[in-house]
N, C-alpha and C. Protein backbone atom coordinates (compact mmCIF):
# COMPACT_ATOMS: atom_id res chain seq x y z
N LEU A 1 0.81 -1.21 0.00
CA LEU A 1 0.00 0.00 0.00
C LEU A 1 0.85 1.27 0.00
N GLU A 2 2.08 1.19 0.51
CA GLU A 2 2.93 2.37 0.55
C GLU A 2 3.20 2.93 -0.84
N VAL A 3 3.23 2.05 -1.85
CA VAL A 3 3.48 2.49 -3.22
C VAL A 3 2.37 3.44 -3.69
N PHE A 4 1.14 3.17 -3.27
CA PHE A 4 0.01 4.03 -3.63
C PHE A 4 -0.08 5.25 -2.72
N LEU A 5 0.49 5.14 -1.53
CA LEU A 5 0.44 6.25 -0.57
C LEU A 5 1.44 7.35 -0.92
N VAL A 6 2.65 6.98 -1.33
CA VAL A 6 3.73 7.94 -1.52
C VAL A 6 3.39 9.06 -2.50
N PRO A 7 2.72 8.81 -3.64
CA PRO A 7 2.38 9.94 -4.53
C PRO A 7 1.55 11.02 -3.84
N PHE A 8 0.65 10.63 -2.95
CA PHE A 8 -0.15 11.62 -2.22
C PHE A 8 0.73 12.39 -1.23
N GLU A 9 1.70 11.70 -0.62
CA GLU A 9 2.61 12.37 0.29
C GLU A 9 3.49 13.37 -0.46
N ILE A 10 3.99 12.96 -1.60
CA ILE A 10 4.83 13.86 -2.40
C ILE A 10 4.03 15.10 -2.82
N ALA A 11 2.78 14.87 -3.26
CA ALA A 11 1.93 15.99 -3.66
C ALA A 11 1.68 16.93 -2.48
N GLY A 12 1.39 16.35 -1.30
CA GLY A 12 1.12 17.18 -0.13
C GLY A 12 2.33 17.99 0.29
N VAL A 13 3.51 17.37 0.30
CA VAL A 13 4.73 18.08 0.69
C VAL A 13 5.09 19.14 -0.35
N PHE A 14 4.94 18.81 -1.62
CA PHE A 14 5.23 19.77 -2.69
C PHE A 14 4.34 21.01 -2.56
N LEU A 15 3.05 20.80 -2.35
CA LEU A 15 2.12 21.92 -2.22
C LEU A 15 2.42 22.75 -0.97
N LEU A 16 2.83 22.08 0.11
CA LEU A 16 3.21 22.81 1.32
C LEU A 16 4.44 23.67 1.07
N GLY A 17 5.42 23.10 0.37
CA GLY A 17 6.62 23.88 0.05
C GLY A 17 6.30 25.07 -0.84
N MET A 18 5.43 24.88 -1.82
CA MET A 18 5.03 25.99 -2.69
C MET A 18 4.25 27.04 -1.90
N GLY A 19 3.42 26.58 -0.96
CA GLY A 19 2.69 27.52 -0.12
C GLY A 19 3.62 28.36 0.74
N ALA A 20 4.67 27.73 1.28
CA ALA A 20 5.64 28.46 2.10
C ALA A 20 6.45 29.43 1.25
N LYS A 21 6.76 29.03 0.03
CA LYS A 21 7.56 29.87 -0.85
C LYS A 21 6.77 31.05 -1.38
N ASP A 22 5.56 30.78 -1.88
CA ASP A 22 4.75 31.82 -2.51
C ASP A 22 3.80 32.51 -1.54
N LYS A 23 3.74 31.99 -0.29
CA LYS A 23 2.84 32.55 0.73
C LYS A 23 1.39 32.55 0.25
N LYS A 24 0.97 31.41 -0.27
CA LYS A 24 -0.40 31.22 -0.73
C LYS A 24 -1.12 30.28 0.23
N ASN A 25 -2.13 30.78 0.90
CA ASN A 25 -2.82 29.98 1.91
C ASN A 25 -3.60 28.81 1.32
N TYR A 26 -4.10 28.97 0.08
CA TYR A 26 -4.89 27.89 -0.50
C TYR A 26 -4.04 26.65 -0.76
N LEU A 27 -2.72 26.83 -0.88
CA LEU A 27 -1.84 25.68 -1.08
C LEU A 27 -1.72 24.85 0.20
N TYR A 28 -1.85 25.49 1.35
CA TYR A 28 -1.90 24.75 2.60
C TYR A 28 -3.17 23.90 2.65
N PHE A 29 -4.24 24.45 2.14
CA PHE A 29 -5.52 23.72 2.06
C PHE A 29 -5.35 22.47 1.21
N LEU A 30 -4.78 22.62 0.01
CA LEU A 30 -4.59 21.49 -0.89
C LEU A 30 -3.61 20.47 -0.32
N SER A 31 -2.58 20.96 0.35
CA SER A 31 -1.58 20.07 0.94
C SER A 31 -2.22 19.14 1.98
N GLY A 32 -3.00 19.73 2.88
CA GLY A 32 -3.67 18.92 3.88
C GLY A 32 -4.65 17.93 3.28
N PHE A 33 -5.33 18.34 2.22
CA PHE A 33 -6.32 17.47 1.57
C PHE A 33 -5.64 16.25 0.95
N PHE A 34 -4.53 16.45 0.25
CA PHE A 34 -3.83 15.32 -0.37
C PHE A 34 -3.28 14.37 0.68
N LEU A 35 -2.77 14.91 1.77
CA LEU A 35 -2.27 14.04 2.84
C LEU A 35 -3.41 13.30 3.53
N GLY A 36 -4.58 13.93 3.59
CA GLY A 36 -5.75 13.24 4.12
C GLY A 36 -6.16 12.07 3.25
N LEU A 37 -6.10 12.26 1.93
CA LEU A 37 -6.37 11.15 1.02
C LEU A 37 -5.34 10.04 1.19
N GLY A 38 -4.08 10.43 1.40
CA GLY A 38 -3.04 9.43 1.63
C GLY A 38 -3.29 8.65 2.91
N PHE A 39 -3.79 9.31 3.93
CA PHE A 39 -4.08 8.64 5.20
C PHE A 39 -5.17 7.60 5.03
N LEU A 40 -6.11 7.84 4.10
CA LEU A 40 -7.15 6.84 3.84
C LEU A 40 -6.56 5.57 3.24
N ILE A 41 -5.45 5.72 2.51
CA ILE A 41 -4.80 4.55 1.93
C ILE A 41 -4.06 3.77 3.01
N LYS A 42 -3.30 4.48 3.84
CA LYS A 42 -2.61 3.81 4.95
C LYS A 42 -2.30 4.83 6.03
N GLN A 43 -2.47 4.42 7.28
CA GLN A 43 -2.33 5.32 8.40
C GLN A 43 -0.90 5.82 8.61
N SER A 44 0.08 5.18 7.98
CA SER A 44 1.47 5.62 8.15
C SER A 44 1.71 6.99 7.53
N ALA A 45 0.73 7.52 6.79
CA ALA A 45 0.85 8.88 6.26
C ALA A 45 0.95 9.90 7.37
N VAL A 46 0.59 9.50 8.59
CA VAL A 46 0.67 10.41 9.72
C VAL A 46 2.11 10.86 9.96
N ALA A 47 3.09 10.05 9.53
CA ALA A 47 4.50 10.42 9.67
C ALA A 47 4.79 11.69 8.88
N THR A 48 4.31 11.75 7.64
CA THR A 48 4.52 12.94 6.81
C THR A 48 3.71 14.11 7.35
N VAL A 49 2.52 13.85 7.85
CA VAL A 49 1.69 14.92 8.41
C VAL A 49 2.40 15.58 9.60
N ILE A 50 2.97 14.77 10.48
CA ILE A 50 3.69 15.31 11.63
C ILE A 50 4.90 16.12 11.18
N ALA A 51 5.61 15.62 10.16
CA ALA A 51 6.76 16.36 9.62
C ALA A 51 6.31 17.71 9.06
N CYS A 52 5.17 17.74 8.37
CA CYS A 52 4.66 18.99 7.80
C CYS A 52 4.26 19.97 8.89
N LEU A 53 3.65 19.47 9.95
CA LEU A 53 3.29 20.33 11.07
C LEU A 53 4.53 20.93 11.72
N CYS A 54 5.57 20.13 11.85
CA CYS A 54 6.84 20.64 12.39
C CYS A 54 7.43 21.72 11.49
N PHE A 55 7.31 21.52 10.17
CA PHE A 55 7.83 22.51 9.23
C PHE A 55 7.07 23.82 9.34
N ILE A 56 5.74 23.75 9.48
CA ILE A 56 4.94 24.97 9.62
C ILE A 56 5.36 25.73 10.88
N LEU A 57 5.65 24.99 11.96
CA LEU A 57 6.10 25.61 13.20
C LEU A 57 7.48 26.24 13.01
N ILE A 58 8.39 25.53 12.36
CA ILE A 58 9.74 26.06 12.11
C ILE A 58 9.67 27.32 11.25
N MET A 59 8.79 27.31 10.27
CA MET A 59 8.63 28.46 9.40
C MET A 59 8.16 29.68 10.19
N GLN A 60 7.23 29.46 11.11
CA GLN A 60 6.72 30.57 11.90
C GLN A 60 7.81 31.14 12.81
N ILE A 61 8.61 30.25 13.40
CA ILE A 61 9.67 30.70 14.32
C ILE A 61 10.78 31.42 13.57
N SER A 62 11.20 30.86 12.44
CA SER A 62 12.34 31.43 11.71
C SER A 62 11.99 32.75 11.04
N GLN A 63 10.78 32.86 10.55
CA GLN A 63 10.38 34.09 9.86
C GLN A 63 9.68 35.09 10.77
N LYS A 64 9.42 34.68 12.02
CA LYS A 64 8.80 35.56 13.01
C LYS A 64 7.51 36.18 12.48
N GLU A 65 6.69 35.32 11.90
CA GLU A 65 5.42 35.80 11.37
C GLU A 65 4.40 35.96 12.50
N PRO A 66 3.36 36.73 12.27
CA PRO A 66 2.33 36.91 13.31
C PRO A 66 1.70 35.57 13.70
N VAL A 67 1.38 35.44 14.97
CA VAL A 67 0.77 34.21 15.47
C VAL A 67 -0.56 33.94 14.76
N ARG A 68 -1.29 35.01 14.47
CA ARG A 68 -2.57 34.85 13.79
C ARG A 68 -2.41 34.18 12.43
N LEU A 69 -1.38 34.58 11.69
CA LEU A 69 -1.13 33.97 10.38
C LEU A 69 -0.70 32.51 10.54
N PHE A 70 0.11 32.24 11.54
CA PHE A 70 0.55 30.87 11.81
C PHE A 70 -0.64 29.97 12.13
N LEU A 71 -1.54 30.45 12.99
CA LEU A 71 -2.72 29.66 13.36
C LEU A 71 -3.65 29.46 12.17
N LYS A 72 -3.75 30.46 11.31
CA LYS A 72 -4.61 30.34 10.13
C LYS A 72 -4.10 29.23 9.21
N ARG A 73 -2.79 29.22 8.97
CA ARG A 73 -2.20 28.19 8.11
C ARG A 73 -2.30 26.81 8.76
N LEU A 74 -2.07 26.77 10.05
CA LEU A 74 -2.14 25.50 10.76
C LEU A 74 -3.55 24.92 10.71
N ILE A 75 -4.55 25.77 10.92
CA ILE A 75 -5.93 25.31 10.88
C ILE A 75 -6.33 24.88 9.48
N LEU A 76 -5.89 25.64 8.47
CA LEU A 76 -6.19 25.27 7.08
C LEU A 76 -5.63 23.89 6.76
N PHE A 77 -4.39 23.66 7.16
CA PHE A 77 -3.74 22.39 6.88
C PHE A 77 -4.40 21.24 7.63
N ALA A 78 -4.60 21.42 8.94
CA ALA A 78 -5.14 20.35 9.77
C ALA A 78 -6.60 20.05 9.44
N ALA A 79 -7.38 21.10 9.21
CA ALA A 79 -8.81 20.91 8.95
C ALA A 79 -9.04 20.17 7.64
N THR A 80 -8.30 20.55 6.60
CA THR A 80 -8.49 19.89 5.31
C THR A 80 -7.93 18.47 5.31
N PHE A 81 -6.96 18.21 6.17
CA PHE A 81 -6.48 16.84 6.33
C PHE A 81 -7.60 15.94 6.85
N LEU A 82 -8.47 16.49 7.68
CA LEU A 82 -9.56 15.71 8.27
C LEU A 82 -10.76 15.55 7.35
N ILE A 83 -10.87 16.37 6.30
CA ILE A 83 -12.04 16.31 5.43
C ILE A 83 -12.26 14.92 4.82
N PRO A 84 -11.24 14.29 4.20
CA PRO A 84 -11.47 12.94 3.65
C PRO A 84 -11.89 11.94 4.71
N LEU A 85 -11.35 12.07 5.93
CA LEU A 85 -11.72 11.15 7.01
C LEU A 85 -13.18 11.35 7.41
N LEU A 86 -13.61 12.59 7.50
CA LEU A 86 -15.00 12.86 7.87
C LEU A 86 -15.96 12.34 6.81
N ILE A 87 -15.58 12.49 5.55
CA ILE A 87 -16.41 11.96 4.46
C ILE A 87 -16.52 10.44 4.56
N LEU A 88 -15.39 9.78 4.86
CA LEU A 88 -15.40 8.33 5.01
C LEU A 88 -16.28 7.91 6.19
N PHE A 89 -16.12 8.58 7.32
CA PHE A 89 -16.92 8.23 8.50
C PHE A 89 -18.41 8.43 8.24
N LEU A 90 -18.75 9.50 7.54
CA LEU A 90 -20.15 9.75 7.21
C LEU A 90 -20.70 8.66 6.31
N PHE A 91 -19.90 8.24 5.34
CA PHE A 91 -20.31 7.16 4.44
C PHE A 91 -20.52 5.86 5.21
N LEU A 92 -19.62 5.55 6.13
CA LEU A 92 -19.73 4.31 6.91
C LEU A 92 -20.98 4.32 7.79
N LEU A 93 -21.28 5.47 8.36
CA LEU A 93 -22.46 5.57 9.20
C LEU A 93 -23.74 5.43 8.39
N ILE A 94 -23.77 6.05 7.21
CA ILE A 94 -24.97 5.99 6.37
C ILE A 94 -25.21 4.58 5.86
N THR A 95 -24.14 3.89 5.49
CA THR A 95 -24.28 2.54 4.93
C THR A 95 -24.33 1.45 5.99
N GLY A 96 -24.13 1.82 7.25
CA GLY A 96 -24.17 0.83 8.32
C GLY A 96 -22.94 -0.05 8.41
N ALA A 97 -21.84 0.42 7.82
CA ALA A 97 -20.61 -0.38 7.81
C ALA A 97 -19.62 0.05 8.88
N TRP A 98 -20.05 0.91 9.80
CA TRP A 98 -19.13 1.42 10.81
C TRP A 98 -18.57 0.31 11.70
N LYS A 99 -19.42 -0.59 12.15
CA LYS A 99 -19.00 -1.67 13.04
C LYS A 99 -17.96 -2.56 12.36
N THR A 100 -18.20 -2.89 11.10
CA THR A 100 -17.25 -3.72 10.35
C THR A 100 -15.93 -3.00 10.17
N PHE A 101 -16.00 -1.71 9.92
CA PHE A 101 -14.78 -0.90 9.75
C PHE A 101 -13.94 -0.91 11.02
N VAL A 102 -14.57 -0.67 12.15
CA VAL A 102 -13.84 -0.65 13.42
C VAL A 102 -13.22 -2.01 13.72
N GLU A 103 -13.95 -3.07 13.44
CA GLU A 103 -13.44 -4.41 13.69
C GLU A 103 -12.23 -4.73 12.82
N CYS A 104 -12.32 -4.38 11.55
CA CYS A 104 -11.23 -4.71 10.61
C CYS A 104 -9.99 -3.86 10.87
N VAL A 105 -10.20 -2.58 11.13
CA VAL A 105 -9.08 -1.66 11.26
C VAL A 105 -8.44 -1.69 12.64
N PHE A 106 -9.24 -1.79 13.69
CA PHE A 106 -8.72 -1.66 15.04
C PHE A 106 -8.63 -3.00 15.78
N THR A 107 -9.73 -3.72 15.84
CA THR A 107 -9.77 -4.94 16.64
C THR A 107 -8.79 -5.99 16.13
N ARG A 108 -8.76 -6.23 14.84
CA ARG A 108 -7.90 -7.28 14.29
C ARG A 108 -6.43 -6.91 14.31
N ASN A 109 -6.13 -5.63 14.43
CA ASN A 109 -4.73 -5.20 14.46
C ASN A 109 -4.20 -4.98 15.87
N TYR A 110 -5.04 -5.25 16.86
CA TYR A 110 -4.66 -4.97 18.24
C TYR A 110 -3.41 -5.75 18.66
N HIS A 111 -3.39 -7.03 18.37
CA HIS A 111 -2.27 -7.87 18.80
C HIS A 111 -0.98 -7.50 18.06
N TYR A 112 -1.11 -7.10 16.80
CA TYR A 112 0.09 -6.68 16.07
C TYR A 112 0.69 -5.42 16.69
N VAL A 113 -0.17 -4.43 16.93
CA VAL A 113 0.31 -3.17 17.51
C VAL A 113 0.87 -3.41 18.91
N LYS A 114 0.23 -4.29 19.67
CA LYS A 114 0.68 -4.58 21.02
C LYS A 114 2.07 -5.19 21.04
N ASN A 115 2.39 -6.00 20.02
CA ASN A 115 3.67 -6.73 20.00
C ASN A 115 4.65 -6.18 18.97
N VAL A 116 4.41 -4.93 18.50
CA VAL A 116 5.27 -4.40 17.43
C VAL A 116 6.71 -4.24 17.89
N SER A 117 6.92 -3.91 19.18
CA SER A 117 8.29 -3.76 19.67
C SER A 117 9.02 -5.09 19.68
N VAL A 118 8.31 -6.18 19.98
CA VAL A 118 8.93 -7.51 19.96
C VAL A 118 9.33 -7.87 18.53
N LEU A 119 8.45 -7.60 17.58
CA LEU A 119 8.75 -7.89 16.18
C LEU A 119 9.92 -7.04 15.70
N ARG A 120 9.96 -5.78 16.11
CA ARG A 120 11.04 -4.90 15.69
C ARG A 120 12.38 -5.42 16.17
N ASP A 121 12.47 -5.78 17.44
CA ASP A 121 13.73 -6.24 18.01
C ASP A 121 14.17 -7.56 17.37
N ALA A 122 13.22 -8.38 16.96
CA ALA A 122 13.55 -9.68 16.38
C ALA A 122 14.00 -9.58 14.93
N TYR A 123 13.35 -8.71 14.15
CA TYR A 123 13.59 -8.69 12.71
C TYR A 123 14.47 -7.56 12.22
N LEU A 124 14.67 -6.52 13.03
CA LEU A 124 15.43 -5.37 12.55
C LEU A 124 16.86 -5.72 12.12
N PRO A 125 17.65 -6.45 12.91
CA PRO A 125 19.01 -6.79 12.46
C PRO A 125 19.01 -7.55 11.14
N TRP A 126 18.09 -8.50 11.00
CA TRP A 126 18.01 -9.26 9.75
C TRP A 126 17.62 -8.37 8.58
N ALA A 127 16.65 -7.48 8.79
CA ALA A 127 16.19 -6.60 7.71
C ALA A 127 17.31 -5.66 7.27
N LEU A 128 18.07 -5.13 8.22
CA LEU A 128 19.17 -4.23 7.87
C LEU A 128 20.25 -4.95 7.08
N ARG A 129 20.53 -6.20 7.45
CA ARG A 129 21.52 -6.97 6.70
C ARG A 129 21.06 -7.20 5.26
N GLN A 130 19.78 -7.49 5.08
CA GLN A 130 19.24 -7.71 3.75
C GLN A 130 19.35 -6.46 2.90
N ILE A 131 19.08 -5.31 3.48
CA ILE A 131 19.15 -4.04 2.75
C ILE A 131 20.59 -3.71 2.38
N ILE A 132 21.49 -3.88 3.33
CA ILE A 132 22.90 -3.57 3.07
C ILE A 132 23.48 -4.49 2.00
N GLN A 133 23.14 -5.77 2.06
CA GLN A 133 23.64 -6.72 1.07
C GLN A 133 23.07 -6.45 -0.32
N GLY A 134 21.81 -6.06 -0.37
CA GLY A 134 21.18 -5.83 -1.66
C GLY A 134 21.46 -4.48 -2.26
N LEU A 135 21.72 -3.47 -1.42
CA LEU A 135 21.91 -2.10 -1.92
C LEU A 135 23.17 -1.47 -1.34
N GLY A 136 24.24 -2.24 -1.29
CA GLY A 136 25.47 -1.74 -0.68
C GLY A 136 26.01 -0.48 -1.33
N ALA A 137 26.30 -0.55 -2.64
CA ALA A 137 26.89 0.59 -3.36
C ALA A 137 25.91 1.75 -3.44
N GLU A 138 24.64 1.42 -3.68
CA GLU A 138 23.64 2.48 -3.81
C GLU A 138 23.48 3.26 -2.52
N ILE A 139 23.53 2.55 -1.38
CA ILE A 139 23.40 3.23 -0.10
C ILE A 139 24.56 4.19 0.12
N ILE A 140 25.76 3.77 -0.24
CA ILE A 140 26.93 4.63 -0.06
C ILE A 140 26.84 5.87 -0.94
N ILE A 141 26.48 5.68 -2.20
CA ILE A 141 26.42 6.81 -3.15
C ILE A 141 25.32 7.79 -2.77
N PHE A 142 24.08 7.27 -2.69
CA PHE A 142 22.95 8.15 -2.41
C PHE A 142 22.98 8.64 -0.96
N GLY A 143 23.50 7.80 -0.05
CA GLY A 143 23.62 8.23 1.34
C GLY A 143 24.58 9.40 1.48
N SER A 144 25.70 9.36 0.74
CA SER A 144 26.66 10.46 0.78
C SER A 144 26.05 11.75 0.23
N CYS A 145 25.28 11.60 -0.85
CA CYS A 145 24.62 12.78 -1.44
C CYS A 145 23.57 13.34 -0.49
N ALA A 146 22.79 12.44 0.14
CA ALA A 146 21.76 12.89 1.08
C ALA A 146 22.39 13.57 2.29
N LEU A 147 23.53 13.02 2.77
CA LEU A 147 24.23 13.62 3.89
C LEU A 147 24.73 15.01 3.53
N MET A 148 25.25 15.14 2.31
CA MET A 148 25.72 16.45 1.84
C MET A 148 24.56 17.43 1.76
N GLY A 149 23.44 16.98 1.23
CA GLY A 149 22.27 17.85 1.14
C GLY A 149 21.78 18.28 2.50
N GLY A 150 21.76 17.35 3.46
CA GLY A 150 21.32 17.69 4.81
C GLY A 150 22.26 18.64 5.51
N LEU A 151 23.56 18.43 5.35
CA LEU A 151 24.54 19.29 6.01
C LEU A 151 24.48 20.72 5.48
N THR A 152 24.36 20.86 4.17
CA THR A 152 24.32 22.21 3.59
C THR A 152 23.06 22.96 4.04
N VAL A 153 21.98 22.23 4.23
CA VAL A 153 20.75 22.87 4.71
C VAL A 153 20.93 23.34 6.16
N LEU A 154 21.54 22.49 6.98
CA LEU A 154 21.68 22.80 8.40
C LEU A 154 22.77 23.84 8.66
N LEU A 155 23.87 23.76 7.89
CA LEU A 155 24.97 24.69 8.11
C LEU A 155 24.71 26.06 7.51
N LYS A 156 24.08 26.08 6.35
CA LYS A 156 23.80 27.35 5.69
C LYS A 156 22.51 27.20 4.90
N PRO A 157 21.37 27.35 5.55
CA PRO A 157 20.08 27.11 4.91
C PRO A 157 19.88 27.99 3.68
N ARG A 158 19.25 27.39 2.66
CA ARG A 158 18.91 28.13 1.45
C ARG A 158 17.39 28.22 1.35
N GLY A 159 16.78 28.85 2.33
CA GLY A 159 15.34 29.01 2.29
C GLY A 159 14.63 27.87 2.99
N LEU A 160 13.40 28.14 3.38
CA LEU A 160 12.63 27.16 4.13
C LEU A 160 12.21 25.97 3.30
N VAL A 161 12.00 26.16 2.02
CA VAL A 161 11.60 25.05 1.17
C VAL A 161 12.67 23.97 1.16
N ARG A 162 13.91 24.39 1.17
CA ARG A 162 15.02 23.43 1.22
C ARG A 162 15.06 22.73 2.57
N MET A 163 14.72 23.45 3.62
CA MET A 163 14.67 22.86 4.95
C MET A 163 13.58 21.80 5.05
N LEU A 164 12.55 21.91 4.23
CA LEU A 164 11.43 20.97 4.26
C LEU A 164 11.91 19.54 3.99
N GLY A 165 12.89 19.38 3.12
CA GLY A 165 13.41 18.05 2.83
C GLY A 165 14.02 17.39 4.06
N VAL A 166 14.77 18.17 4.85
CA VAL A 166 15.38 17.63 6.07
C VAL A 166 14.32 17.28 7.10
N VAL A 167 13.34 18.17 7.28
CA VAL A 167 12.28 17.93 8.26
C VAL A 167 11.45 16.71 7.87
N TRP A 168 11.18 16.58 6.58
CA TRP A 168 10.40 15.44 6.11
C TRP A 168 11.11 14.13 6.39
N LEU A 169 12.40 14.06 6.04
CA LEU A 169 13.16 12.83 6.25
C LEU A 169 13.28 12.51 7.74
N ALA A 170 13.60 13.51 8.55
CA ALA A 170 13.77 13.28 9.98
C ALA A 170 12.45 12.86 10.63
N GLY A 171 11.38 13.57 10.31
CA GLY A 171 10.09 13.25 10.90
C GLY A 171 9.57 11.90 10.49
N ALA A 172 9.66 11.61 9.19
CA ALA A 172 9.17 10.32 8.70
C ALA A 172 9.97 9.16 9.27
N THR A 173 11.29 9.32 9.34
CA THR A 173 12.14 8.25 9.87
C THR A 173 11.82 7.98 11.34
N PHE A 174 11.63 9.05 12.11
CA PHE A 174 11.35 8.88 13.54
C PHE A 174 10.01 8.19 13.77
N VAL A 175 8.97 8.66 13.10
CA VAL A 175 7.63 8.09 13.32
C VAL A 175 7.56 6.65 12.82
N ILE A 176 8.12 6.40 11.63
CA ILE A 176 8.08 5.05 11.07
C ILE A 176 8.88 4.08 11.93
N SER A 177 9.98 4.56 12.52
CA SER A 177 10.80 3.68 13.37
C SER A 177 10.02 3.19 14.59
N LEU A 178 9.04 3.97 15.03
CA LEU A 178 8.24 3.57 16.18
C LEU A 178 7.34 2.38 15.84
N SER A 179 6.88 2.34 14.58
CA SER A 179 6.00 1.24 14.18
C SER A 179 6.77 0.04 13.65
N GLY A 180 8.02 0.26 13.28
CA GLY A 180 8.82 -0.89 12.89
C GLY A 180 9.53 -0.77 11.56
N LEU A 181 10.80 -0.36 11.59
CA LEU A 181 11.60 -0.35 10.38
C LEU A 181 12.06 -1.76 10.02
N HIS A 182 11.68 -2.75 10.85
CA HIS A 182 12.04 -4.13 10.55
C HIS A 182 11.30 -4.63 9.32
N LEU A 183 10.19 -4.01 8.98
CA LEU A 183 9.44 -4.39 7.79
C LEU A 183 9.94 -3.56 6.61
N ARG A 184 10.43 -4.24 5.58
CA ARG A 184 11.10 -3.52 4.51
C ARG A 184 10.18 -2.58 3.75
N HIS A 185 8.88 -2.90 3.69
CA HIS A 185 8.00 -2.01 2.96
C HIS A 185 7.82 -0.67 3.68
N HIS A 186 8.16 -0.62 4.98
CA HIS A 186 8.09 0.65 5.69
C HIS A 186 9.16 1.62 5.21
N PHE A 187 10.24 1.11 4.64
CA PHE A 187 11.30 1.98 4.15
C PHE A 187 10.83 2.82 2.97
N ILE A 188 9.77 2.38 2.30
CA ILE A 188 9.24 3.17 1.18
C ILE A 188 8.83 4.55 1.65
N GLU A 189 8.42 4.65 2.92
CA GLU A 189 7.99 5.93 3.48
C GLU A 189 9.11 6.97 3.47
N ILE A 190 10.35 6.53 3.59
CA ILE A 190 11.45 7.49 3.68
C ILE A 190 12.24 7.58 2.38
N VAL A 191 11.86 6.83 1.37
CA VAL A 191 12.59 6.87 0.09
C VAL A 191 12.48 8.24 -0.56
N ALA A 192 11.25 8.78 -0.61
CA ALA A 192 11.04 10.06 -1.29
C ALA A 192 11.87 11.20 -0.66
N PRO A 193 11.76 11.45 0.66
CA PRO A 193 12.59 12.52 1.23
C PRO A 193 14.08 12.21 1.15
N PHE A 194 14.44 10.93 1.21
CA PHE A 194 15.86 10.55 1.09
C PHE A 194 16.40 10.91 -0.29
N LEU A 195 15.63 10.62 -1.33
CA LEU A 195 16.07 10.93 -2.68
C LEU A 195 16.07 12.44 -2.95
N ILE A 196 15.12 13.14 -2.34
CA ILE A 196 15.10 14.60 -2.49
C ILE A 196 16.36 15.22 -1.90
N LEU A 197 16.72 14.77 -0.70
CA LEU A 197 17.96 15.26 -0.09
C LEU A 197 19.18 14.83 -0.89
N GLY A 198 19.12 13.61 -1.44
CA GLY A 198 20.22 13.14 -2.27
C GLY A 198 20.39 13.99 -3.51
N THR A 199 19.28 14.39 -4.12
CA THR A 199 19.34 15.26 -5.29
C THR A 199 19.92 16.63 -4.93
N MET A 200 19.49 17.17 -3.78
CA MET A 200 20.05 18.43 -3.31
C MET A 200 21.55 18.30 -3.08
N GLY A 201 21.94 17.19 -2.45
CA GLY A 201 23.36 16.98 -2.18
C GLY A 201 24.18 16.83 -3.44
N ALA A 202 23.64 16.11 -4.45
CA ALA A 202 24.35 15.98 -5.72
C ALA A 202 24.53 17.34 -6.39
N SER A 203 23.49 18.17 -6.31
CA SER A 203 23.58 19.52 -6.87
C SER A 203 24.62 20.35 -6.11
N ASP A 204 24.65 20.21 -4.78
CA ASP A 204 25.62 20.94 -3.98
C ASP A 204 27.05 20.50 -4.29
N ILE A 205 27.24 19.20 -4.46
CA ILE A 205 28.58 18.68 -4.80
C ILE A 205 29.02 19.23 -6.15
N TYR A 206 28.10 19.25 -7.09
CA TYR A 206 28.43 19.80 -8.42
C TYR A 206 28.82 21.27 -8.31
N ARG A 207 28.06 22.04 -7.54
CA ARG A 207 28.36 23.46 -7.38
C ARG A 207 29.71 23.66 -6.68
N LEU A 208 29.99 22.80 -5.70
CA LEU A 208 31.26 22.90 -4.99
C LEU A 208 32.43 22.61 -5.94
N LEU A 209 32.32 21.53 -6.70
CA LEU A 209 33.38 21.20 -7.65
C LEU A 209 33.55 22.28 -8.71
N LEU A 210 32.42 22.84 -9.14
CA LEU A 210 32.48 23.90 -10.14
C LEU A 210 33.16 25.15 -9.58
N SER A 211 32.85 25.47 -8.31
CA SER A 211 33.47 26.65 -7.70
C SER A 211 34.97 26.44 -7.51
N LEU A 212 35.37 25.21 -7.14
CA LEU A 212 36.79 24.92 -6.99
C LEU A 212 37.51 24.97 -8.33
N ALA A 213 36.83 24.49 -9.37
CA ALA A 213 37.44 24.48 -10.71
C ALA A 213 37.62 25.89 -11.25
N THR A 214 36.75 26.79 -10.86
CA THR A 214 36.85 28.16 -11.37
C THR A 214 37.69 29.05 -10.47
N GLY A 215 38.28 28.44 -9.42
CA GLY A 215 39.24 29.16 -8.61
C GLY A 215 38.67 30.00 -7.50
N ARG A 216 37.43 29.76 -7.12
CA ARG A 216 36.86 30.52 -6.01
C ARG A 216 37.42 29.99 -4.69
N LYS A 217 37.73 30.87 -3.80
CA LYS A 217 38.40 30.48 -2.56
C LYS A 217 37.44 30.22 -1.41
N LYS A 218 36.31 30.86 -1.40
CA LYS A 218 35.38 30.65 -0.29
C LYS A 218 34.68 29.32 -0.43
N PHE A 219 34.73 28.56 0.64
CA PHE A 219 34.22 27.20 0.58
C PHE A 219 32.72 27.15 0.29
N PHE A 220 31.96 28.05 0.86
CA PHE A 220 30.51 28.01 0.71
C PHE A 220 30.01 29.02 -0.32
N ILE A 221 30.90 29.54 -1.19
CA ILE A 221 30.46 30.48 -2.20
C ILE A 221 29.47 29.83 -3.17
N TRP A 222 29.60 28.51 -3.33
CA TRP A 222 28.75 27.78 -4.25
C TRP A 222 27.32 27.65 -3.77
N LEU A 223 27.08 27.97 -2.48
CA LEU A 223 25.72 27.93 -1.97
C LEU A 223 24.91 29.09 -2.51
């Protein structure tokens, strides 16, 4: 299901970044709506939602915007995220399928959620070995690029939209790790922000090499 979820997460994060860049409130509305649709596909979309909420808070603190504007954007984002859920709940109530929904979604998953830490501790070392063996070179290459992208954002930020990539990766990784990175399909949740940071890092490396080739002396002039 993560394969179908990720496009909605990418759309939601992209719209949020455009909203922060262009200061368009309706983009916050659309961002929350797409993430709400993603949540209907799988509840792990909450990882991206939490990351987006953290980004909105960081944006308010760094730009020192009025609290009223911050609350307006926060409410727009959060309220529209809930719209698809409210529509689903209304449909279930009208059709009389609410009891079946609760049983399938909550009751049957109770034992899995209760023992998720046991599963994580048992399978995580094995899962990590499988990933390293299967993607050894790729992890080194893209990991180095992602690290470069993250460092350049943290050491010398290039706008809040660039910071969004770091917040997304950090937030998604933290939340997903709570439910279990031992399951390989959960890694799909962090692929998109990882590749975005990797692309930023590759661009930064290119700019750095170009600046060195042209004889510029300042290390961060390429930023």
